[in-house]
Amino acid sequence: MHDVPEIDLTDPATVRDPFTAYGQARERSAVARLPLPHIGPMWVVTRHAEAREMLSDPRFMLRADSYMRPDVPEEYLPYMRTMGEMDGPEHTRLRRLVSPAFTARRAAAFRPRIEPLVAALLDDLPRHAAGGRVDLLPRFARPLPIDVICELVGIPAADRPRWREYGGTVAASAGPEFADALPGIMEGAKAAVAHRRTELGDDVISELVRIQAGHADQLTDAEMVTLIWHLVIAGQTPVNLVANAVAALLTHPDQLAALRADPGLMPRAVEEIMRWCGPALLSIPRFAGADVEIGGVPIRKGEAVTVSIAAANRDPRVFDDPDRFDVTRVQERGAAGHLGFSHGPHFCLGASIARVETEVALASLLARFPDLALAASSVEELRAPDPGNWRLDSLPVTL
């Protein structure tokens, strides 16, 4: 019988150091058990090759109960089924419509519009510093992604302060506060679409409006509004990515020095940050559509399966010296790449934007504040006790 380890997410040691807990399980088996309080048991894939295969296998499907669905008033239910819940032709159709706005080339061309947004936040930092000390999470890492995604998507400037509040709510909570904010978020998306119907610009909404004008049968009004609010909310991923990046660099002075000495390493550094301390510890659960086997472990039809991104991204079968943080590491895309942005049909649509945004944020922060230092005795005391996401509650620094 296959030796399948079990990972206890209620164990404080697991929450405190998931990389060790999942890593030990990975070296015993490609699949482990994950009993989840209030949700039920789940399988977790721990090795890179098996994880990559599962994420691209159409027999493992996303469905509504892959997500914690907040309650919203009935009138907003038509906007609740996002692209993330779809598979097959339906998902392919919507993904194909919106993908041109999120290519690596478009992201690179968008860099000049990200740079002033970063600069404005950095200009404001000293004003919030007491004795030279400021918390980068609420003053930099949290507002930046919503500012960037609003610029990319095409939210009117006058509405952005309200969207910044929405972004802060989403980044800080997936609970009742998020549910309370959703109707406002959806109304904001509807208003943004209505605005762009009368005044087209260089942004995602304008592109979707043009697509709909020529192919009304391809994109409904409800689908467009759903796409917009979901893109804006999904665009909050870099909040924890940027915070984790700063914490990793400030606690690895040799790596920070290497990056300061050669700013051209920044793209590599961002990939390494996604691999070594990316915010997602687990992938969104999928459900087996048939009896399947992963790594010698039988998975029954209907059973839930997730990926331990934390374990797969430190799999020694793929990465040399995987627990070492190394901004000079050369990482391959594709088969040998990290899974920080997932893999397969649901590979993160905004990965290219997140990469460019994080590069600009880190490069600008390090250039502006050459004496930047952590204002805490350790990063561990700042860590949020979140078994699903590797994130900080605060990031106090001295400028």
Protein backbone atom coordinates (compact mmCIF):
# COMPACT_ATOMS: atom_id res chain seq x y z
CA MET A 1 0.00 0.00 0.00
CA HIS A 2 1.27 3.45 -0.91
CA ASP A 3 2.57 5.45 2.06
CA VAL A 4 0.52 8.66 1.87
CA PRO A 5 1.49 11.31 4.44
CA GLU A 6 -1.02 13.65 6.03
CA ILE A 7 -0.47 17.37 6.48
CA ASP A 8 -2.19 19.04 9.42
CA LEU A 9 -3.01 22.67 8.62
CA THR A 10 -4.18 23.23 12.20
CA ASP A 11 -0.63 22.57 13.44
CA PRO A 12 1.03 25.95 14.17
CA ALA A 13 4.37 24.53 13.02
CA THR A 14 2.90 23.79 9.57
CA VAL A 15 1.42 27.28 9.26
CA ARG A 16 4.66 28.85 10.49
CA ASP A 17 6.85 26.86 8.07
CA PRO A 18 4.79 25.27 5.28
CA PHE A 19 7.88 24.76 3.11
CA THR A 20 9.32 22.23 5.54
CA ALA A 21 5.98 20.51 6.22
CA TYR A 22 5.09 20.11 2.54
CA GLY A 23 8.70 19.38 1.63
CA GLN A 24 8.90 16.45 4.04
CA ALA A 25 5.65 15.09 2.61
CA ARG A 26 6.97 15.55 -0.95
CA GLU A 27 9.99 13.37 -0.25
CA ARG A 28 7.71 10.58 0.97
CA SER A 29 5.06 10.76 -1.75
CA ALA A 30 3.94 12.71 -4.81
CA VAL A 31 0.51 13.03 -3.16
CA ALA A 32 -0.48 13.71 0.45
CA ARG A 33 -3.75 13.96 2.37
CA LEU A 34 -4.99 17.35 3.47
CA PRO A 35 -7.83 17.21 6.00
CA LEU A 36 -9.37 20.68 5.98
CA PRO A 37 -11.52 21.88 8.88
CA HIS A 38 -15.07 22.85 7.83
CA ILE A 39 -14.33 21.82 4.19
CA GLY A 40 -13.45 18.15 4.24
CA PRO A 41 -10.51 16.03 3.05
CA MET A 42 -8.53 16.89 -0.04
CA TRP A 43 -5.59 15.41 -1.91
CA VAL A 44 -2.52 17.62 -2.34
CA VAL A 45 0.06 17.04 -5.09
CA THR A 46 3.56 17.78 -3.80
CA ARG A 47 5.96 17.14 -6.69
CA HIS A 48 6.58 19.44 -9.64
CA ALA A 49 6.09 17.02 -12.55
CA GLU A 50 2.90 15.49 -11.14
CA ALA A 51 1.56 18.94 -10.20
CA ARG A 52 2.19 20.29 -13.68
CA GLU A 53 0.51 17.27 -15.22
CA MET A 54 -2.56 17.54 -12.98
CA LEU A 55 -3.01 21.28 -13.65
CA SER A 56 -3.16 20.63 -17.40
CA ASP A 57 -5.25 17.42 -17.25
CA PRO A 58 -8.85 18.08 -18.42
CA ARG A 59 -10.06 15.25 -16.17
CA PHE A 60 -9.47 17.57 -13.19
CA MET A 61 -12.09 20.29 -13.33
CA LEU A 62 -12.81 23.55 -11.59
CA ARG A 63 -16.36 24.08 -10.44
CA ALA A 64 -18.33 26.48 -8.26
CA ASP A 65 -17.34 24.76 -5.02
CA SER A 66 -13.65 25.17 -5.92
CA TYR A 67 -14.19 28.63 -4.47
CA MET A 68 -15.50 30.10 -1.25
CA ARG A 69 -18.52 31.84 -2.74
CA PRO A 70 -19.70 34.91 -0.85
CA ASP A 71 -23.40 35.65 -0.60
CA VAL A 72 -24.53 38.55 -2.76
CA PRO A 73 -27.99 40.01 -3.50
CA GLU A 74 -29.86 38.11 -6.20
CA GLU A 75 -29.52 40.89 -8.77
CA TYR A 76 -25.73 40.36 -8.81
CA LEU A 77 -25.80 36.58 -9.26
CA PRO A 78 -25.48 36.86 -13.11
CA TYR A 79 -22.01 38.38 -12.54
CA MET A 80 -20.74 35.78 -10.09
CA ARG A 81 -19.64 33.03 -12.48
CA THR A 82 -16.16 34.12 -13.47
CA MET A 83 -13.76 32.73 -16.07
CA GLY A 84 -11.91 31.02 -13.22
CA GLU A 85 -14.88 28.68 -12.71
CA MET A 86 -15.09 27.65 -16.37
CA ASP A 87 -13.41 24.81 -18.27
CA GLY A 88 -13.46 23.56 -21.83
CA PRO A 89 -14.83 25.54 -24.81
CA GLU A 90 -16.61 28.12 -22.64
CA HIS A 91 -13.37 29.02 -20.86
CA THR A 92 -11.37 28.93 -24.09
CA ARG A 93 -13.76 31.37 -25.79
CA LEU A 94 -13.54 34.02 -23.05
CA ARG A 95 -9.82 33.51 -22.52
CA ARG A 96 -9.17 34.01 -26.23
CA LEU A 97 -11.16 37.27 -26.23
CA VAL A 98 -9.28 38.87 -23.34
CA SER A 99 -5.79 37.35 -23.73
CA PRO A 100 -4.47 39.88 -26.31
CA ALA A 101 -4.58 42.58 -23.62
CA PHE A 102 -2.29 40.55 -21.34
CA THR A 103 0.59 39.42 -23.55
CA ALA A 104 4.21 39.91 -22.49
CA ARG A 105 4.60 42.50 -25.26
CA ARG A 106 1.61 44.50 -24.04
CA ALA A 107 2.91 44.30 -20.47
CA ALA A 108 6.32 45.63 -21.54
CA ALA A 109 4.64 48.47 -23.45
CA PHE A 110 2.58 49.24 -20.35
CA ARG A 111 5.71 49.76 -18.19
CA PRO A 112 5.85 53.56 -18.79
CA ARG A 113 2.31 53.82 -17.39
CA ILE A 114 3.26 51.81 -14.28
CA GLU A 115 6.35 53.87 -13.46
CA PRO A 116 4.53 57.13 -12.51
CA LEU A 117 2.07 55.18 -10.34
CA VAL A 118 4.99 53.66 -8.42
CA ALA A 119 6.77 57.03 -8.22
CA ALA A 120 3.68 58.73 -6.77
CA LEU A 121 3.45 56.18 -3.95
CA LEU A 122 7.18 56.47 -3.22
CA ASP A 123 6.93 60.28 -3.19
CA ASP A 124 4.29 59.96 -0.52
CA LEU A 125 6.13 57.47 1.72
CA PRO A 126 8.26 59.92 3.77
CA ARG A 127 5.12 61.87 4.70
CA HIS A 128 3.81 58.77 6.50
CA ALA A 129 7.09 57.94 8.20
CA ALA A 130 7.44 58.46 11.94
CA GLY A 131 11.11 58.68 12.87
CA GLY A 132 11.97 57.42 9.40
CA ARG A 133 9.85 54.28 9.91
CA VAL A 134 6.86 53.38 7.74
CA ASP A 135 4.74 50.29 7.04
CA LEU A 136 5.20 49.43 3.36
CA LEU A 137 2.17 47.13 3.25
CA PRO A 138 -0.62 49.75 3.47
CA ARG A 139 1.47 52.59 2.01
CA PHE A 140 3.03 50.86 -0.99
CA ALA A 141 2.42 47.15 -1.61
CA ARG A 142 -1.35 47.27 -1.08
CA PRO A 143 -2.37 50.38 -3.10
CA LEU A 144 -0.01 49.75 -6.02
CA PRO A 145 -1.74 46.75 -7.69
CA ILE A 146 -5.18 48.36 -7.66
CA ASP A 147 -3.71 51.56 -9.13
CA VAL A 148 -1.99 49.54 -11.86
CA ILE A 149 -4.96 47.34 -12.74
CA CYS A 150 -7.32 50.33 -12.81
CA GLU A 151 -4.99 52.03 -15.30
CA LEU A 152 -4.73 48.86 -17.39
CA VAL A 153 -8.43 48.00 -17.35
CA GLY A 154 -9.65 51.57 -17.86
CA ILE A 155 -11.38 52.59 -14.62
CA PRO A 156 -12.02 56.37 -14.85
CA ALA A 157 -9.64 58.44 -12.72
CA ALA A 158 -12.48 59.95 -10.66
CA ASP A 159 -13.60 56.48 -9.55
CA ARG A 160 -10.16 55.15 -8.57
CA PRO A 161 -10.16 56.24 -4.91
CA ARG A 162 -13.22 54.04 -4.39
CA TRP A 163 -11.54 51.15 -6.24
CA ARG A 164 -8.49 51.58 -4.03
CA GLU A 165 -10.77 50.97 -1.04
CA TYR A 166 -12.13 47.87 -2.77
CA GLY A 167 -8.61 46.66 -3.46
CA GLY A 168 -7.62 47.11 0.17
CA THR A 169 -10.66 45.12 1.28
CA VAL A 170 -9.92 42.27 -1.13
CA ALA A 171 -6.22 42.11 -0.27
CA ALA A 172 -6.93 42.05 3.46
CA SER A 173 -9.91 39.70 3.59
CA ALA A 174 -11.79 37.01 1.72
CA GLY A 175 -14.48 37.01 4.40
CA PRO A 176 -17.63 39.05 5.11
CA GLU A 177 -15.93 42.35 4.23
CA PHE A 178 -15.29 41.08 0.70
CA ALA A 179 -18.89 39.90 0.34
CA ASP A 180 -20.12 43.31 1.53
CA ALA A 181 -17.88 45.07 -1.01
CA LEU A 182 -18.84 42.90 -4.02
CA PRO A 183 -22.05 44.74 -5.03
CA GLY A 184 -20.14 48.03 -5.11
CA ILE A 185 -17.35 46.40 -7.10
CA MET A 186 -19.84 45.05 -9.65
CA GLU A 187 -21.63 48.42 -9.91
CA GLY A 188 -18.23 50.03 -10.46
CA ALA A 189 -17.50 47.59 -13.27
CA LYS A 190 -20.90 48.32 -14.88
CA ALA A 191 -20.26 52.07 -14.64
CA ALA A 192 -16.78 51.71 -16.15
CA VAL A 193 -18.17 49.75 -19.10
CA ALA A 194 -20.91 52.35 -19.63
CA HIS A 195 -18.30 55.14 -19.53
CA ARG A 196 -16.10 53.46 -22.14
CA ARG A 197 -19.07 52.91 -24.48
CA THR A 198 -19.18 56.70 -24.90
CA GLU A 199 -15.43 57.43 -24.60
CA LEU A 200 -13.05 54.76 -25.86
CA GLY A 201 -9.43 54.71 -24.70
CA ASP A 202 -6.30 52.54 -24.69
CA ASP A 203 -7.35 49.97 -22.12
CA VAL A 204 -8.93 46.55 -21.63
CA ILE A 205 -12.54 47.76 -21.33
CA SER A 206 -12.25 49.76 -24.56
CA GLU A 207 -10.83 46.70 -26.30
CA LEU A 208 -13.71 44.54 -25.06
CA VAL A 209 -16.24 47.18 -26.16
CA ARG A 210 -14.69 47.13 -29.65
CA ILE A 211 -14.77 43.32 -29.69
CA GLN A 212 -18.42 43.28 -28.65
CA ALA A 213 -19.34 45.83 -31.29
CA GLY A 214 -18.01 43.54 -33.98
CA HIS A 215 -18.97 40.22 -32.40
CA ALA A 216 -22.03 40.77 -30.21
CA ASP A 217 -22.66 37.03 -30.26
CA GLN A 218 -19.27 36.36 -28.62
CA LEU A 219 -19.43 38.53 -25.52
CA THR A 220 -22.57 39.39 -23.54
CA ASP A 221 -22.95 42.44 -21.30
CA ALA A 222 -23.00 40.20 -18.22
CA GLU A 223 -19.81 38.45 -19.33
CA MET A 224 -18.08 41.79 -19.90
CA VAL A 225 -18.97 43.14 -16.46
CA THR A 226 -17.96 39.83 -14.87
CA LEU A 227 -14.62 39.89 -16.68
CA ILE A 228 -13.90 43.46 -15.58
CA TRP A 229 -14.63 43.06 -11.87
CA HIS A 230 -12.82 39.74 -11.75
CA LEU A 231 -9.75 41.13 -13.56
CA VAL A 232 -9.57 44.01 -11.11
CA ILE A 233 -9.88 41.76 -8.08
CA ALA A 234 -7.53 39.09 -9.42
CA GLY A 235 -5.04 41.88 -10.06
CA GLN A 236 -4.41 42.13 -6.31
CA THR A 237 -1.95 39.20 -6.35
CA PRO A 238 1.12 41.51 -6.44
CA VAL A 239 0.19 42.95 -3.01
CA ASN A 240 1.71 39.97 -1.24
CA LEU A 241 4.27 39.32 -3.98
CA VAL A 242 5.84 42.77 -3.58
CA ALA A 243 5.75 42.58 0.23
CA ASN A 244 7.30 39.11 0.24
CA ALA A 245 9.95 40.30 -2.22
CA VAL A 246 11.00 43.23 -0.06
CA ALA A 247 11.11 41.04 3.05
CA ALA A 248 13.18 38.38 1.27
CA LEU A 249 15.71 40.91 -0.03
CA LEU A 250 16.06 42.76 3.28
CA THR A 251 16.72 39.49 5.12
CA HIS A 252 19.23 38.26 2.50
CA PRO A 253 21.73 41.13 2.31
CA ASP A 254 24.00 39.24 -0.09
CA GLN A 255 21.14 38.89 -2.59
CA LEU A 256 20.11 42.52 -2.11
CA ALA A 257 23.72 43.59 -2.73
CA ALA A 258 23.88 41.46 -5.91
CA LEU A 259 20.68 43.08 -7.19
CA ARG A 260 21.86 46.60 -6.36
CA ALA A 261 25.18 45.88 -8.10
CA ASP A 262 23.46 44.59 -11.23
CA PRO A 263 19.90 45.93 -11.72
CA GLY A 264 19.75 43.86 -14.91
CA LEU A 265 19.16 40.85 -12.65
CA MET A 266 15.70 42.14 -11.74
CA PRO A 267 13.69 39.89 -14.13
CA ARG A 268 15.53 36.83 -12.78
CA ALA A 269 15.03 38.06 -9.23
CA VAL A 270 11.26 38.35 -9.71
CA GLU A 271 11.09 34.78 -11.05
CA GLU A 272 13.12 33.57 -8.06
CA ILE A 273 10.87 35.46 -5.66
CA MET A 274 7.81 33.81 -7.23
CA ARG A 275 9.49 30.42 -6.87
CA TRP A 276 10.96 30.84 -3.40
CA CYS A 277 8.32 32.91 -1.59
CA GLY A 278 5.37 33.44 -3.92
CA PRO A 279 2.13 34.20 -2.06
CA ALA A 280 0.05 31.18 -3.13
CA LEU A 281 0.78 28.07 -1.06
CA LEU A 282 -2.00 25.96 -2.58
CA SER A 283 -3.70 26.00 -5.97
CA ILE A 284 -7.45 26.36 -6.39
CA PRO A 285 -8.95 22.87 -5.83
CA ARG A 286 -10.00 20.79 -8.81
CA PHE A 287 -12.29 17.76 -8.84
CA ALA A 288 -11.54 14.46 -10.53
CA GLY A 289 -13.97 13.74 -13.36
CA ALA A 290 -13.01 10.07 -13.36
CA ASP A 291 -11.01 7.58 -11.31
CA VAL A 292 -7.38 8.61 -11.83
CA GLU A 293 -3.96 7.82 -10.41
CA ILE A 294 -1.31 10.41 -9.49
CA GLY A 295 2.13 9.22 -8.47
CA GLY A 296 0.78 5.77 -7.68
CA VAL A 297 -2.03 7.14 -5.48
CA PRO A 298 -5.60 6.36 -6.63
CA ILE A 299 -7.90 9.41 -6.81
CA ARG A 300 -11.61 8.59 -7.02
CA LYS A 301 -14.08 10.41 -9.23
CA GLY A 302 -15.43 13.51 -7.48
CA GLU A 303 -12.55 13.85 -5.02
CA ALA A 304 -10.90 17.24 -4.57
CA VAL A 305 -7.24 17.74 -5.49
CA THR A 306 -4.99 20.77 -4.97
CA VAL A 307 -1.31 21.45 -5.62
CA SER A 308 1.19 22.44 -2.97
CA ILE A 309 2.86 25.22 -4.90
CA ALA A 310 5.21 25.64 -1.93
CA ALA A 311 6.42 22.03 -2.33
CA ALA A 312 6.48 21.90 -6.14
CA ASN A 313 8.50 25.12 -6.38
CA ARG A 314 11.17 23.65 -4.11
CA ASP A 315 11.27 20.20 -5.67
CA PRO A 316 14.94 19.09 -5.86
CA ARG A 317 14.04 16.98 -8.90
CA VAL A 318 13.69 20.26 -10.82
CA PHE A 319 15.57 22.98 -8.94
CA ASP A 320 19.19 22.79 -7.76
CA ASP A 321 19.61 23.63 -4.08
CA PRO A 322 15.90 24.55 -4.02
CA ASP A 323 15.73 26.02 -0.51
CA ARG A 324 18.39 28.63 -1.35
CA PHE A 325 17.17 32.10 -2.35
CA ASP A 326 19.30 33.11 -5.34
CA VAL A 327 18.45 36.15 -7.49
CA THR A 328 21.00 35.03 -10.10
CA ARG A 329 19.23 31.70 -10.63
CA VAL A 330 18.42 31.03 -14.29
CA GLN A 331 14.95 29.57 -14.53
CA GLU A 332 13.48 27.95 -17.57
CA ARG A 333 9.95 28.69 -18.69
CA GLY A 334 7.70 25.74 -19.47
CA ALA A 335 8.42 22.25 -18.18
CA ALA A 336 11.10 23.30 -15.69
CA GLY A 337 9.53 26.61 -14.66
CA HIS A 338 8.07 27.46 -11.27
CA LEU A 339 4.32 27.08 -10.72
CA GLY A 340 3.83 30.39 -8.93
CA PHE A 341 1.45 31.52 -11.67
CA SER A 342 -0.11 28.03 -11.95
CA HIS A 343 0.01 26.08 -15.20
CA GLY A 344 -2.20 24.85 -18.01
CA PRO A 345 -5.43 26.46 -19.28
CA HIS A 346 -5.79 28.48 -16.06
CA PHE A 347 -2.24 29.86 -16.06
CA CYS A 348 -2.51 33.34 -14.52
CA LEU A 349 -3.82 35.69 -17.19
CA GLY A 350 -2.06 38.66 -15.60
CA ALA A 351 1.34 36.99 -15.08
CA SER A 352 3.15 39.31 -17.49
CA ILE A 353 1.68 42.42 -15.87
CA ALA A 354 2.49 41.09 -12.39
CA ARG A 355 6.10 40.50 -13.45
CA VAL A 356 6.56 43.98 -14.90
CA GLU A 357 4.74 45.62 -12.00
CA THR A 358 6.94 43.84 -9.44
CA GLU A 359 10.11 44.66 -11.37
CA VAL A 360 9.23 48.36 -11.48
CA ALA A 361 8.14 48.42 -7.82
CA LEU A 362 11.34 46.80 -6.52
CA ALA A 363 13.73 48.68 -8.81
CA SER A 364 12.16 52.03 -7.95
CA LEU A 365 11.98 51.33 -4.21
CA LEU A 366 15.62 50.22 -3.99
CA ALA A 367 16.84 53.16 -6.08
CA ARG A 368 14.84 55.72 -4.10
CA PHE A 369 15.84 54.44 -0.64
CA PRO A 370 19.40 53.06 -0.68
CA ASP A 371 19.39 52.65 3.13
CA LEU A 372 16.10 50.74 3.27
CA ALA A 373 16.09 48.29 6.19
CA LEU A 374 13.63 46.07 8.04
CA ALA A 375 12.31 47.72 11.22
CA ALA A 376 11.52 44.47 13.05
CA SER A 377 13.61 41.86 14.83
CA SER A 378 12.44 39.19 12.34
CA VAL A 379 10.09 38.68 9.42
CA GLU A 380 8.49 35.73 11.24
CA GLU A 381 6.85 38.05 13.78
CA LEU A 382 5.18 39.92 10.90
CA ARG A 383 3.82 36.81 9.17
CA ALA A 384 0.05 36.30 8.92
CA PRO A 385 -1.12 32.87 10.21
CA ASP A 386 -2.70 31.92 6.87
CA PRO A 387 -2.43 28.28 5.72
CA GLY A 388 -3.42 29.17 2.16
CA ASN A 389 -1.25 32.21 1.47
CA TRP A 390 2.30 33.17 2.37
CA ARG A 391 1.82 36.78 3.36
CA LEU A 392 2.66 39.46 5.90
CA ASP A 393 0.37 41.38 8.24
CA SER A 394 2.73 44.36 8.14
CA LEU A 395 6.11 45.34 6.72
CA PRO A 396 7.71 48.09 8.84
CA VAL A 397 10.91 49.52 7.35
CA THR A 398 13.22 52.44 7.94
CA LEU A 399 13.85 54.64 4.96
